[in-house]
Amino acid sequence: MRLVLASESGARKRLLAAAGVEFATDPAGYDEAAAKRTSRARGEDAAQCALALATAKARAVAARHADAIVIGADQMLDCDAAWLDKPADLAAARAQLLELRGKTHALVTAAVAVERDELLWRHVATARLVMRPFSDAFLERYLALMGARVLATVGGYELEGLGAQLFAKIEGDYFAILGLPLLPLLAFLRAHGALPA
């Protein structure tokens, strides 16, 4: 059974590949900003928004791959009811990290599996991350070492790398924090016959 990942996320691709899953990639090209505005207008929370985005992306890609199960995913960072996006530049990354410094934020990761137009599976994982009160000097060193990579993730951090030094504590699914609730997804794929049991 063919699997297609409706994402261009390097982290999601690495997670699936490292787990031995064979898949193709076809990014959805979905207008996330407009969808987030609509979700906010409806009074939805970050989990509802992430699930709606993941589902919309998967359905858009499934329309191009009738012979495949399409995996869609999305992540929302919620800090004090503010939703943060991937920073546009280093100045925005600095501002986000200063906003998160010393606080606890929620990282909500939603994943779905769609075949044709049928939603086969969905999962939402919420992690709580406590960012330590790092110094300004540490932040500048961090940004210099990370460079453009800081723009690739919501919140401006890669927990699997140098970003681990930003945190005092994390609670939740590590794989979901990286971008995909891998163990629940693998369980679904085995149950559905897409992976050997």
N, C-alpha and C. Protein backbone atom coordinates (compact mmCIF):
# COMPACT_ATOMS: atom_id res chain seq x y z
N MET A 1 0.86 -1.19 0.00
CA MET A 1 0.00 0.00 0.00
C MET A 1 0.89 1.24 0.00
N ARG A 2 0.69 2.14 -0.95
CA ARG A 2 1.50 3.35 -1.04
C ARG A 2 1.15 4.34 0.06
N LEU A 3 2.18 4.97 0.60
CA LEU A 3 2.00 6.04 1.57
C LEU A 3 2.56 7.33 0.99
N VAL A 4 1.85 8.41 1.20
CA VAL A 4 2.30 9.73 0.75
C VAL A 4 2.25 10.68 1.94
N LEU A 5 3.33 11.38 2.18
CA LEU A 5 3.39 12.38 3.23
C LEU A 5 3.07 13.74 2.61
N ALA A 6 2.01 14.36 3.09
CA ALA A 6 1.57 15.66 2.56
C ALA A 6 2.29 16.79 3.28
N SER A 7 3.61 16.75 3.22
CA SER A 7 4.41 17.73 3.95
C SER A 7 5.80 17.81 3.34
N GLU A 8 6.40 18.99 3.44
CA GLU A 8 7.79 19.13 3.02
C GLU A 8 8.71 19.25 4.23
N SER A 9 8.18 18.98 5.41
CA SER A 9 8.95 19.08 6.64
C SER A 9 10.10 18.07 6.66
N GLY A 10 11.31 18.57 6.80
CA GLY A 10 12.46 17.70 6.89
C GLY A 10 12.40 16.80 8.11
N ALA A 11 11.91 17.34 9.24
CA ALA A 11 11.82 16.55 10.47
C ALA A 11 10.85 15.38 10.30
N ARG A 12 9.70 15.63 9.69
CA ARG A 12 8.73 14.54 9.49
C ARG A 12 9.29 13.48 8.55
N LYS A 13 9.95 13.91 7.50
CA LYS A 13 10.55 12.95 6.56
C LYS A 13 11.61 12.12 7.27
N ARG A 14 12.43 12.76 8.07
CA ARG A 14 13.49 12.02 8.79
C ARG A 14 12.90 11.01 9.77
N LEU A 15 11.84 11.40 10.48
CA LEU A 15 11.22 10.49 11.44
C LEU A 15 10.67 9.24 10.75
N LEU A 16 9.93 9.43 9.66
CA LEU A 16 9.37 8.27 8.95
C LEU A 16 10.46 7.40 8.35
N ALA A 17 11.44 8.02 7.72
CA ALA A 17 12.52 7.26 7.09
C ALA A 17 13.31 6.48 8.13
N ALA A 18 13.62 7.10 9.27
CA ALA A 18 14.38 6.43 10.32
C ALA A 18 13.61 5.25 10.90
N ALA A 19 12.28 5.32 10.86
CA ALA A 19 11.45 4.22 11.37
C ALA A 19 11.26 3.11 10.33
N GLY A 20 11.88 3.27 9.15
CA GLY A 20 11.81 2.24 8.12
C GLY A 20 10.54 2.26 7.30
N VAL A 21 9.85 3.39 7.28
CA VAL A 21 8.61 3.51 6.51
C VAL A 21 8.95 4.02 5.11
N GLU A 22 8.45 3.31 4.10
CA GLU A 22 8.63 3.76 2.71
C GLU A 22 7.46 4.68 2.35
N PHE A 23 7.79 5.84 1.79
CA PHE A 23 6.75 6.81 1.48
C PHE A 23 7.24 7.76 0.39
N ALA A 24 6.28 8.38 -0.26
CA ALA A 24 6.56 9.46 -1.20
C ALA A 24 6.18 10.77 -0.51
N THR A 25 6.64 11.87 -1.05
CA THR A 25 6.32 13.18 -0.48
C THR A 25 5.63 14.04 -1.54
N ASP A 26 4.53 14.67 -1.14
CA ASP A 26 3.82 15.58 -2.03
C ASP A 26 3.23 16.70 -1.16
N PRO A 27 3.95 17.81 -1.01
CA PRO A 27 3.45 18.90 -0.17
C PRO A 27 2.12 19.46 -0.69
N ALA A 28 1.27 19.83 0.24
CA ALA A 28 -0.08 20.28 -0.12
C ALA A 28 -0.10 21.68 -0.72
N GLY A 29 0.80 22.55 -0.30
CA GLY A 29 0.76 23.94 -0.77
C GLY A 29 -0.48 24.65 -0.29
N TYR A 30 -0.87 24.40 0.94
CA TYR A 30 -2.11 24.92 1.51
C TYR A 30 -1.88 26.28 2.17
N ASP A 31 -2.85 27.18 2.07
CA ASP A 31 -2.76 28.51 2.67
C ASP A 31 -3.08 28.41 4.16
N GLU A 32 -2.05 28.18 4.96
CA GLU A 32 -2.24 27.98 6.38
C GLU A 32 -2.67 29.26 7.09
N ALA A 33 -2.14 30.40 6.66
CA ALA A 33 -2.47 31.66 7.34
C ALA A 33 -3.97 31.95 7.26
N ALA A 34 -4.56 31.74 6.09
CA ALA A 34 -6.00 31.99 5.94
C ALA A 34 -6.81 31.00 6.78
N ALA A 35 -6.37 29.74 6.80
CA ALA A 35 -7.07 28.74 7.59
C ALA A 35 -7.00 29.05 9.09
N LYS A 36 -5.85 29.56 9.54
CA LYS A 36 -5.72 29.92 10.95
C LYS A 36 -6.62 31.10 11.30
N ARG A 37 -6.71 32.06 10.40
CA ARG A 37 -7.61 33.20 10.65
C ARG A 37 -9.06 32.72 10.76
N THR A 38 -9.45 31.81 9.87
CA THR A 38 -10.81 31.26 9.91
C THR A 38 -11.05 30.51 11.21
N SER A 39 -10.08 29.72 11.62
CA SER A 39 -10.20 28.96 12.86
C SER A 39 -10.35 29.89 14.07
N ARG A 40 -9.56 30.94 14.10
CA ARG A 40 -9.66 31.93 15.19
C ARG A 40 -11.04 32.57 15.20
N ALA A 41 -11.54 32.93 14.01
CA ALA A 41 -12.85 33.58 13.91
C ALA A 41 -13.96 32.67 14.41
N ARG A 42 -13.77 31.38 14.27
CA ARG A 42 -14.77 30.40 14.75
C ARG A 42 -14.63 30.12 16.24
N GLY A 43 -13.59 30.66 16.87
CA GLY A 43 -13.38 30.42 18.29
C GLY A 43 -12.75 29.08 18.60
N GLU A 44 -12.10 28.47 17.61
CA GLU A 44 -11.48 27.16 17.83
C GLU A 44 -10.18 27.31 18.60
N ASP A 45 -9.79 26.23 19.29
CA ASP A 45 -8.53 26.24 20.00
C ASP A 45 -7.42 25.71 19.10
N ALA A 46 -6.20 25.70 19.62
CA ALA A 46 -5.04 25.30 18.82
C ALA A 46 -5.15 23.86 18.34
N ALA A 47 -5.70 22.97 19.16
CA ALA A 47 -5.84 21.56 18.76
C ALA A 47 -6.83 21.43 17.60
N GLN A 48 -7.95 22.12 17.67
CA GLN A 48 -8.94 22.07 16.59
C GLN A 48 -8.34 22.62 15.30
N CYS A 49 -7.59 23.70 15.41
CA CYS A 49 -6.97 24.31 14.24
C CYS A 49 -5.94 23.37 13.63
N ALA A 50 -5.08 22.79 14.46
CA ALA A 50 -4.05 21.88 13.95
C ALA A 50 -4.69 20.68 13.24
N LEU A 51 -5.76 20.15 13.82
CA LEU A 51 -6.44 19.00 13.20
C LEU A 51 -7.09 19.40 11.88
N ALA A 52 -7.70 20.57 11.84
CA ALA A 52 -8.31 21.04 10.59
C ALA A 52 -7.26 21.24 9.50
N LEU A 53 -6.12 21.80 9.87
CA LEU A 53 -5.05 22.01 8.89
C LEU A 53 -4.48 20.69 8.38
N ALA A 54 -4.22 19.76 9.30
CA ALA A 54 -3.68 18.46 8.90
C ALA A 54 -4.65 17.74 7.96
N THR A 55 -5.95 17.82 8.27
CA THR A 55 -6.96 17.15 7.45
C THR A 55 -7.07 17.80 6.08
N ALA A 56 -7.08 19.13 6.05
CA ALA A 56 -7.19 19.83 4.76
C ALA A 56 -6.00 19.52 3.87
N LYS A 57 -4.80 19.51 4.44
CA LYS A 57 -3.61 19.18 3.64
C LYS A 57 -3.69 17.76 3.10
N ALA A 58 -4.06 16.81 3.95
CA ALA A 58 -4.13 15.42 3.52
C ALA A 58 -5.18 15.23 2.43
N ARG A 59 -6.32 15.88 2.58
CA ARG A 59 -7.39 15.74 1.57
C ARG A 59 -6.96 16.36 0.24
N ALA A 60 -6.28 17.48 0.29
CA ALA A 60 -5.81 18.12 -0.95
C ALA A 60 -4.85 17.21 -1.69
N VAL A 61 -3.96 16.56 -0.99
CA VAL A 61 -2.99 15.67 -1.62
C VAL A 61 -3.64 14.35 -2.03
N ALA A 62 -4.58 13.86 -1.23
CA ALA A 62 -5.27 12.60 -1.56
C ALA A 62 -6.02 12.71 -2.88
N ALA A 63 -6.47 13.91 -3.22
CA ALA A 63 -7.17 14.11 -4.50
C ALA A 63 -6.24 13.83 -5.68
N ARG A 64 -4.93 13.89 -5.46
CA ARG A 64 -3.94 13.62 -6.51
C ARG A 64 -3.39 12.20 -6.45
N HIS A 65 -3.73 11.46 -5.39
CA HIS A 65 -3.18 10.11 -5.18
C HIS A 65 -4.28 9.15 -4.74
N ALA A 66 -5.12 8.75 -5.67
CA ALA A 66 -6.26 7.89 -5.34
C ALA A 66 -5.83 6.51 -4.86
N ASP A 67 -4.58 6.12 -5.15
CA ASP A 67 -4.13 4.77 -4.81
C ASP A 67 -3.27 4.75 -3.55
N ALA A 68 -3.35 5.79 -2.72
CA ALA A 68 -2.44 5.87 -1.58
C ALA A 68 -3.17 6.31 -0.31
N ILE A 69 -2.54 5.98 0.81
CA ILE A 69 -2.92 6.58 2.09
C ILE A 69 -2.05 7.82 2.24
N VAL A 70 -2.69 8.94 2.50
CA VAL A 70 -1.98 10.21 2.62
C VAL A 70 -1.94 10.62 4.08
N ILE A 71 -0.75 10.94 4.55
CA ILE A 71 -0.55 11.37 5.93
C ILE A 71 -0.40 12.88 5.93
N GLY A 72 -1.27 13.53 6.68
CA GLY A 72 -1.19 14.98 6.85
C GLY A 72 -0.85 15.30 8.29
N ALA A 73 -0.13 16.38 8.50
CA ALA A 73 0.24 16.77 9.86
C ALA A 73 0.35 18.28 9.97
N ASP A 74 0.14 18.77 11.16
CA ASP A 74 0.34 20.19 11.42
C ASP A 74 0.65 20.37 12.89
N GLN A 75 1.29 21.49 13.18
CA GLN A 75 1.71 21.80 14.54
C GLN A 75 1.35 23.23 14.87
N MET A 76 0.87 23.44 16.08
CA MET A 76 0.53 24.78 16.56
C MET A 76 1.25 25.03 17.87
N LEU A 77 1.84 26.19 18.00
CA LEU A 77 2.47 26.59 19.25
C LEU A 77 1.56 27.62 19.90
N ASP A 78 1.11 27.31 21.12
CA ASP A 78 0.19 28.17 21.86
C ASP A 78 0.88 28.63 23.13
N CYS A 79 1.10 29.93 23.23
CA CYS A 79 1.70 30.52 24.43
C CYS A 79 0.79 31.63 24.93
N ASP A 80 0.19 31.41 26.07
CA ASP A 80 -0.72 32.41 26.65
C ASP A 80 -1.80 32.82 25.65
N ALA A 81 -2.36 31.84 24.94
CA ALA A 81 -3.44 32.02 23.95
C ALA A 81 -2.98 32.70 22.66
N ALA A 82 -1.69 32.98 22.52
CA ALA A 82 -1.15 33.49 21.26
C ALA A 82 -0.60 32.33 20.46
N TRP A 83 -0.91 32.28 19.17
CA TRP A 83 -0.41 31.23 18.29
C TRP A 83 0.80 31.75 17.54
N LEU A 84 1.92 31.09 17.71
CA LEU A 84 3.14 31.51 17.02
C LEU A 84 3.33 30.67 15.76
N ASP A 85 3.88 31.30 14.73
CA ASP A 85 4.18 30.63 13.47
C ASP A 85 5.69 30.51 13.30
N LYS A 86 6.11 29.87 12.22
CA LYS A 86 7.53 29.85 11.91
C LYS A 86 7.99 31.30 11.73
N PRO A 87 9.10 31.68 12.33
CA PRO A 87 9.56 33.06 12.17
C PRO A 87 9.96 33.36 10.74
N ALA A 88 9.68 34.58 10.30
CA ALA A 88 9.98 34.98 8.92
C ALA A 88 11.45 35.31 8.72
N ASP A 89 12.11 35.76 9.79
CA ASP A 89 13.52 36.13 9.69
C ASP A 89 14.14 36.02 11.08
N LEU A 90 15.44 36.31 11.18
CA LEU A 90 16.14 36.18 12.46
C LEU A 90 15.59 37.14 13.52
N ALA A 91 15.17 38.32 13.10
CA ALA A 91 14.59 39.27 14.06
C ALA A 91 13.30 38.71 14.65
N ALA A 92 12.48 38.08 13.82
CA ALA A 92 11.24 37.47 14.31
C ALA A 92 11.54 36.28 15.21
N ALA A 93 12.57 35.49 14.86
CA ALA A 93 12.97 34.35 15.71
C ALA A 93 13.42 34.84 17.07
N ARG A 94 14.21 35.91 17.09
CA ARG A 94 14.67 36.49 18.36
C ARG A 94 13.47 36.93 19.19
N ALA A 95 12.52 37.62 18.56
CA ALA A 95 11.33 38.10 19.28
C ALA A 95 10.51 36.94 19.84
N GLN A 96 10.36 35.86 19.06
CA GLN A 96 9.60 34.70 19.53
C GLN A 96 10.28 34.06 20.73
N LEU A 97 11.58 33.88 20.63
CA LEU A 97 12.29 33.23 21.72
C LEU A 97 12.27 34.09 22.98
N LEU A 98 12.33 35.40 22.83
CA LEU A 98 12.21 36.27 23.99
C LEU A 98 10.80 36.18 24.59
N GLU A 99 9.79 36.04 23.72
CA GLU A 99 8.42 35.87 24.20
C GLU A 99 8.25 34.57 24.98
N LEU A 100 8.93 33.51 24.55
CA LEU A 100 8.80 32.19 25.18
C LEU A 100 9.71 32.02 26.39
N ARG A 101 10.74 32.83 26.50
CA ARG A 101 11.74 32.68 27.57
C ARG A 101 11.09 32.71 28.96
N GLY A 102 11.43 31.69 29.75
CA GLY A 102 10.93 31.61 31.12
C GLY A 102 9.48 31.19 31.26
N LYS A 103 8.83 30.82 30.16
CA LYS A 103 7.41 30.47 30.19
C LYS A 103 7.19 29.01 29.79
N THR A 104 5.99 28.55 30.07
CA THR A 104 5.54 27.24 29.60
C THR A 104 4.63 27.47 28.40
N HIS A 105 4.86 26.72 27.33
CA HIS A 105 3.97 26.82 26.18
C HIS A 105 3.53 25.41 25.77
N ALA A 106 2.45 25.36 25.01
CA ALA A 106 1.93 24.10 24.51
C ALA A 106 2.28 23.97 23.04
N LEU A 107 2.73 22.78 22.67
CA LEU A 107 2.98 22.46 21.27
C LEU A 107 2.00 21.35 20.90
N VAL A 108 1.06 21.69 20.03
CA VAL A 108 -0.01 20.77 19.65
C VAL A 108 0.31 20.21 18.27
N THR A 109 0.37 18.89 18.17
CA THR A 109 0.67 18.23 16.91
C THR A 109 -0.50 17.34 16.52
N ALA A 110 -1.03 17.58 15.32
CA ALA A 110 -2.12 16.76 14.81
C ALA A 110 -1.64 16.00 13.59
N ALA A 111 -2.09 14.76 13.47
CA ALA A 111 -1.78 13.95 12.29
C ALA A 111 -3.03 13.18 11.89
N VAL A 112 -3.19 13.00 10.59
CA VAL A 112 -4.34 12.27 10.06
C VAL A 112 -3.87 11.36 8.93
N ALA A 113 -4.71 10.40 8.62
CA ALA A 113 -4.50 9.56 7.44
C ALA A 113 -5.79 9.57 6.64
N VAL A 114 -5.63 9.87 5.35
CA VAL A 114 -6.79 9.98 4.45
C VAL A 114 -6.55 9.07 3.25
N GLU A 115 -7.61 8.37 2.84
CA GLU A 115 -7.57 7.59 1.60
C GLU A 115 -8.74 8.07 0.75
N ARG A 116 -8.41 8.54 -0.46
CA ARG A 116 -9.37 9.23 -1.31
C ARG A 116 -9.93 10.40 -0.51
N ASP A 117 -11.19 10.40 -0.14
CA ASP A 117 -11.70 11.51 0.68
C ASP A 117 -12.11 11.04 2.07
N GLU A 118 -11.73 9.81 2.42
CA GLU A 118 -12.16 9.25 3.70
C GLU A 118 -11.08 9.46 4.76
N LEU A 119 -11.48 10.03 5.87
CA LEU A 119 -10.58 10.20 7.01
C LEU A 119 -10.52 8.87 7.75
N LEU A 120 -9.39 8.19 7.67
CA LEU A 120 -9.23 6.87 8.28
C LEU A 120 -8.79 6.93 9.73
N TRP A 121 -8.00 7.95 10.06
CA TRP A 121 -7.38 8.01 11.39
C TRP A 121 -7.00 9.45 11.69
N ARG A 122 -7.05 9.80 12.96
CA ARG A 122 -6.59 11.12 13.39
C ARG A 122 -6.06 11.01 14.81
N HIS A 123 -5.13 11.87 15.11
CA HIS A 123 -4.51 11.85 16.44
C HIS A 123 -4.00 13.26 16.75
N VAL A 124 -4.24 13.69 17.98
CA VAL A 124 -3.73 14.98 18.44
C VAL A 124 -2.93 14.76 19.72
N ALA A 125 -1.72 15.27 19.74
CA ALA A 125 -0.85 15.16 20.93
C ALA A 125 -0.48 16.57 21.37
N THR A 126 -0.59 16.83 22.65
CA THR A 126 -0.21 18.12 23.20
C THR A 126 0.93 17.94 24.18
N ALA A 127 2.02 18.64 23.92
CA ALA A 127 3.18 18.61 24.82
C ALA A 127 3.29 19.96 25.52
N ARG A 128 3.81 19.94 26.70
CA ARG A 128 4.07 21.18 27.44
C ARG A 128 5.58 21.33 27.58
N LEU A 129 6.07 22.48 27.18
CA LEU A 129 7.49 22.73 27.20
C LEU A 129 7.79 23.96 28.05
N VAL A 130 8.73 23.82 28.96
CA VAL A 130 9.12 24.91 29.85
C VAL A 130 10.46 25.44 29.37
N MET A 131 10.45 26.66 28.86
CA MET A 131 11.68 27.26 28.38
C MET A 131 12.37 27.95 29.56
N ARG A 132 13.66 27.70 29.70
CA ARG A 132 14.39 28.25 30.83
C ARG A 132 14.63 29.76 30.61
N PRO A 133 14.92 30.47 31.69
CA PRO A 133 15.18 31.91 31.56
C PRO A 133 16.64 32.17 31.12
N PHE A 134 16.94 31.81 29.88
CA PHE A 134 18.30 31.94 29.35
C PHE A 134 18.70 33.41 29.23
N SER A 135 20.00 33.63 29.18
CA SER A 135 20.52 35.00 29.10
C SER A 135 20.43 35.54 27.67
N ASP A 136 20.53 36.85 27.56
CA ASP A 136 20.57 37.49 26.24
C ASP A 136 21.80 37.01 25.47
N ALA A 137 22.91 36.83 26.17
CA ALA A 137 24.14 36.37 25.51
C ALA A 137 23.95 34.96 24.94
N PHE A 138 23.28 34.10 25.71
CA PHE A 138 23.01 32.76 25.19
C PHE A 138 22.15 32.83 23.94
N LEU A 139 21.12 33.67 23.96
CA LEU A 139 20.22 33.79 22.82
C LEU A 139 20.98 34.23 21.57
N GLU A 140 21.84 35.21 21.70
CA GLU A 140 22.59 35.67 20.54
C GLU A 140 23.52 34.58 20.00
N ARG A 141 24.16 33.84 20.89
CA ARG A 141 25.02 32.73 20.47
C ARG A 141 24.18 31.65 19.78
N TYR A 142 23.04 31.34 20.35
CA TYR A 142 22.14 30.34 19.79
C TYR A 142 21.72 30.73 18.37
N LEU A 143 21.30 31.97 18.19
CA LEU A 143 20.86 32.43 16.87
C LEU A 143 22.01 32.41 15.87
N ALA A 144 23.20 32.78 16.31
CA ALA A 144 24.37 32.77 15.41
C ALA A 144 24.70 31.34 14.98
N LEU A 145 24.63 30.40 15.91
CA LEU A 145 24.95 29.01 15.58
C LEU A 145 23.87 28.36 14.72
N MET A 146 22.62 28.69 14.99
CA MET A 146 21.51 28.09 14.24
C MET A 146 21.37 28.68 12.84
N GLY A 147 21.60 29.97 12.70
CA GLY A 147 21.46 30.60 11.40
C GLY A 147 20.06 30.42 10.83
N ALA A 148 19.97 30.14 9.55
CA ALA A 148 18.68 30.02 8.86
C ALA A 148 17.85 28.84 9.36
N ARG A 149 18.49 27.86 10.00
CA ARG A 149 17.72 26.71 10.51
C ARG A 149 16.68 27.13 11.54
N VAL A 150 16.90 28.25 12.21
CA VAL A 150 15.96 28.71 13.22
C VAL A 150 14.62 29.11 12.59
N LEU A 151 14.61 29.32 11.28
CA LEU A 151 13.39 29.74 10.58
C LEU A 151 12.53 28.55 10.15
N ALA A 152 13.05 27.35 10.30
CA ALA A 152 12.36 26.16 9.78
C ALA A 152 11.34 25.58 10.75
N THR A 153 11.34 26.05 12.00
CA THR A 153 10.46 25.45 12.99
C THR A 153 9.67 26.53 13.73
N VAL A 154 8.44 26.18 14.08
CA VAL A 154 7.62 27.08 14.88
C VAL A 154 8.32 27.27 16.22
N GLY A 155 8.39 28.51 16.68
CA GLY A 155 9.07 28.79 17.94
C GLY A 155 10.56 28.99 17.78
N GLY A 156 11.13 28.65 16.63
CA GLY A 156 12.54 28.88 16.39
C GLY A 156 13.47 27.93 17.10
N TYR A 157 13.02 26.71 17.37
CA TYR A 157 13.92 25.76 18.04
C TYR A 157 13.80 24.37 17.44
N GLU A 158 14.91 23.64 17.51
CA GLU A 158 14.96 22.22 17.15
C GLU A 158 15.32 21.47 18.42
N LEU A 159 14.35 20.82 19.02
CA LEU A 159 14.58 20.14 20.29
C LEU A 159 15.62 19.03 20.15
N GLU A 160 15.73 18.46 18.96
CA GLU A 160 16.66 17.35 18.74
C GLU A 160 18.10 17.81 18.58
N GLY A 161 18.32 19.10 18.62
CA GLY A 161 19.67 19.64 18.45
C GLY A 161 19.98 20.68 19.50
N LEU A 162 20.58 21.77 19.06
CA LEU A 162 21.00 22.85 19.96
C LEU A 162 19.82 23.43 20.74
N GLY A 163 18.63 23.35 20.18
CA GLY A 163 17.44 23.87 20.85
C GLY A 163 17.15 23.22 22.18
N ALA A 164 17.68 22.03 22.43
CA ALA A 164 17.49 21.38 23.73
C ALA A 164 18.01 22.26 24.87
N GLN A 165 19.02 23.08 24.57
CA GLN A 165 19.59 23.94 25.61
C GLN A 165 18.67 25.08 26.02
N LEU A 166 17.61 25.29 25.29
CA LEU A 166 16.66 26.35 25.63
C LEU A 166 15.70 25.93 26.75
N PHE A 167 15.63 24.63 27.03
CA PHE A 167 14.54 24.12 27.86
C PHE A 167 14.98 23.63 29.23
N ALA A 168 14.07 23.82 30.21
CA ALA A 168 14.26 23.29 31.55
C ALA A 168 13.52 21.97 31.70
N LYS A 169 12.40 21.81 30.97
CA LYS A 169 11.55 20.62 31.13
C LYS A 169 10.62 20.48 29.94
N ILE A 170 10.38 19.23 29.56
CA ILE A 170 9.34 18.96 28.56
C ILE A 170 8.46 17.83 29.06
N GLU A 171 7.19 17.89 28.75
CA GLU A 171 6.24 16.84 29.09
C GLU A 171 5.44 16.52 27.84
N GLY A 172 5.54 15.29 27.38
CA GLY A 172 4.76 14.89 26.21
C GLY A 172 5.55 14.00 25.29
N ASP A 173 4.93 13.67 24.18
CA ASP A 173 5.48 12.77 23.18
C ASP A 173 6.63 13.46 22.44
N TYR A 174 7.84 12.93 22.61
CA TYR A 174 9.03 13.53 21.99
C TYR A 174 8.89 13.58 20.48
N PHE A 175 8.42 12.49 19.86
CA PHE A 175 8.27 12.47 18.40
C PHE A 175 7.26 13.51 17.94
N ALA A 176 6.17 13.68 18.70
CA ALA A 176 5.18 14.70 18.34
C ALA A 176 5.79 16.09 18.41
N ILE A 177 6.64 16.33 19.40
CA ILE A 177 7.31 17.62 19.49
C ILE A 177 8.15 17.86 18.24
N LEU A 178 8.76 16.81 17.72
CA LEU A 178 9.57 16.94 16.51
C LEU A 178 8.72 17.12 15.26
N GLY A 179 7.41 16.83 15.35
CA GLY A 179 6.53 17.11 14.22
C GLY A 179 5.56 16.02 13.82
N LEU A 180 5.67 14.82 14.44
CA LEU A 180 4.80 13.72 14.04
C LEU A 180 4.62 12.76 15.22
N PRO A 181 3.36 12.46 15.61
CA PRO A 181 3.16 11.47 16.68
C PRO A 181 3.44 10.06 16.12
N LEU A 182 4.70 9.72 16.07
CA LEU A 182 5.18 8.57 15.32
C LEU A 182 4.61 7.24 15.81
N LEU A 183 4.64 6.99 17.11
CA LEU A 183 4.19 5.68 17.60
C LEU A 183 2.70 5.44 17.34
N PRO A 184 1.81 6.39 17.61
CA PRO A 184 0.41 6.18 17.24
C PRO A 184 0.22 6.01 15.73
N LEU A 185 0.99 6.75 14.93
CA LEU A 185 0.89 6.61 13.47
C LEU A 185 1.32 5.23 13.03
N LEU A 186 2.44 4.73 13.55
CA LEU A 186 2.90 3.39 13.19
C LEU A 186 1.88 2.33 13.60
N ALA A 187 1.26 2.50 14.77
CA ALA A 187 0.23 1.55 15.22
C ALA A 187 -0.95 1.54 14.25
N PHE A 188 -1.37 2.72 13.80
CA PHE A 188 -2.45 2.78 12.82
C PHE A 188 -2.05 2.09 11.52
N LEU A 189 -0.86 2.37 11.03
CA LEU A 189 -0.42 1.78 9.76
C LEU A 189 -0.34 0.25 9.85
N ARG A 190 0.10 -0.26 10.99
CA ARG A 190 0.11 -1.73 11.17
C ARG A 190 -1.30 -2.28 11.19
N ALA A 191 -2.19 -1.64 11.94
CA ALA A 191 -3.58 -2.10 12.04
C ALA A 191 -4.28 -2.05 10.69
N HIS A 192 -3.90 -1.11 9.85
CA HIS A 192 -4.54 -0.93 8.54
C HIS A 192 -3.89 -1.78 7.45
N GLY A 193 -2.83 -2.51 7.81
CA GLY A 193 -2.16 -3.36 6.84
C GLY A 193 -1.15 -2.66 5.97
N ALA A 194 -0.82 -1.41 6.29
CA ALA A 194 0.15 -0.67 5.50
C ALA A 194 1.59 -0.96 5.93
N LEU A 195 1.76 -1.54 7.11
CA LEU A 195 3.06 -1.98 7.60
C LEU A 195 2.89 -3.39 8.16
N PRO A 196 3.97 -4.19 8.14
CA PRO A 196 3.86 -5.54 8.72
C PRO A 196 3.59 -5.48 10.21
N ALA A 197 2.72 -6.37 10.66
CA ALA A 197 2.39 -6.44 12.09
C ALA A 197 3.43 -7.28 12.81
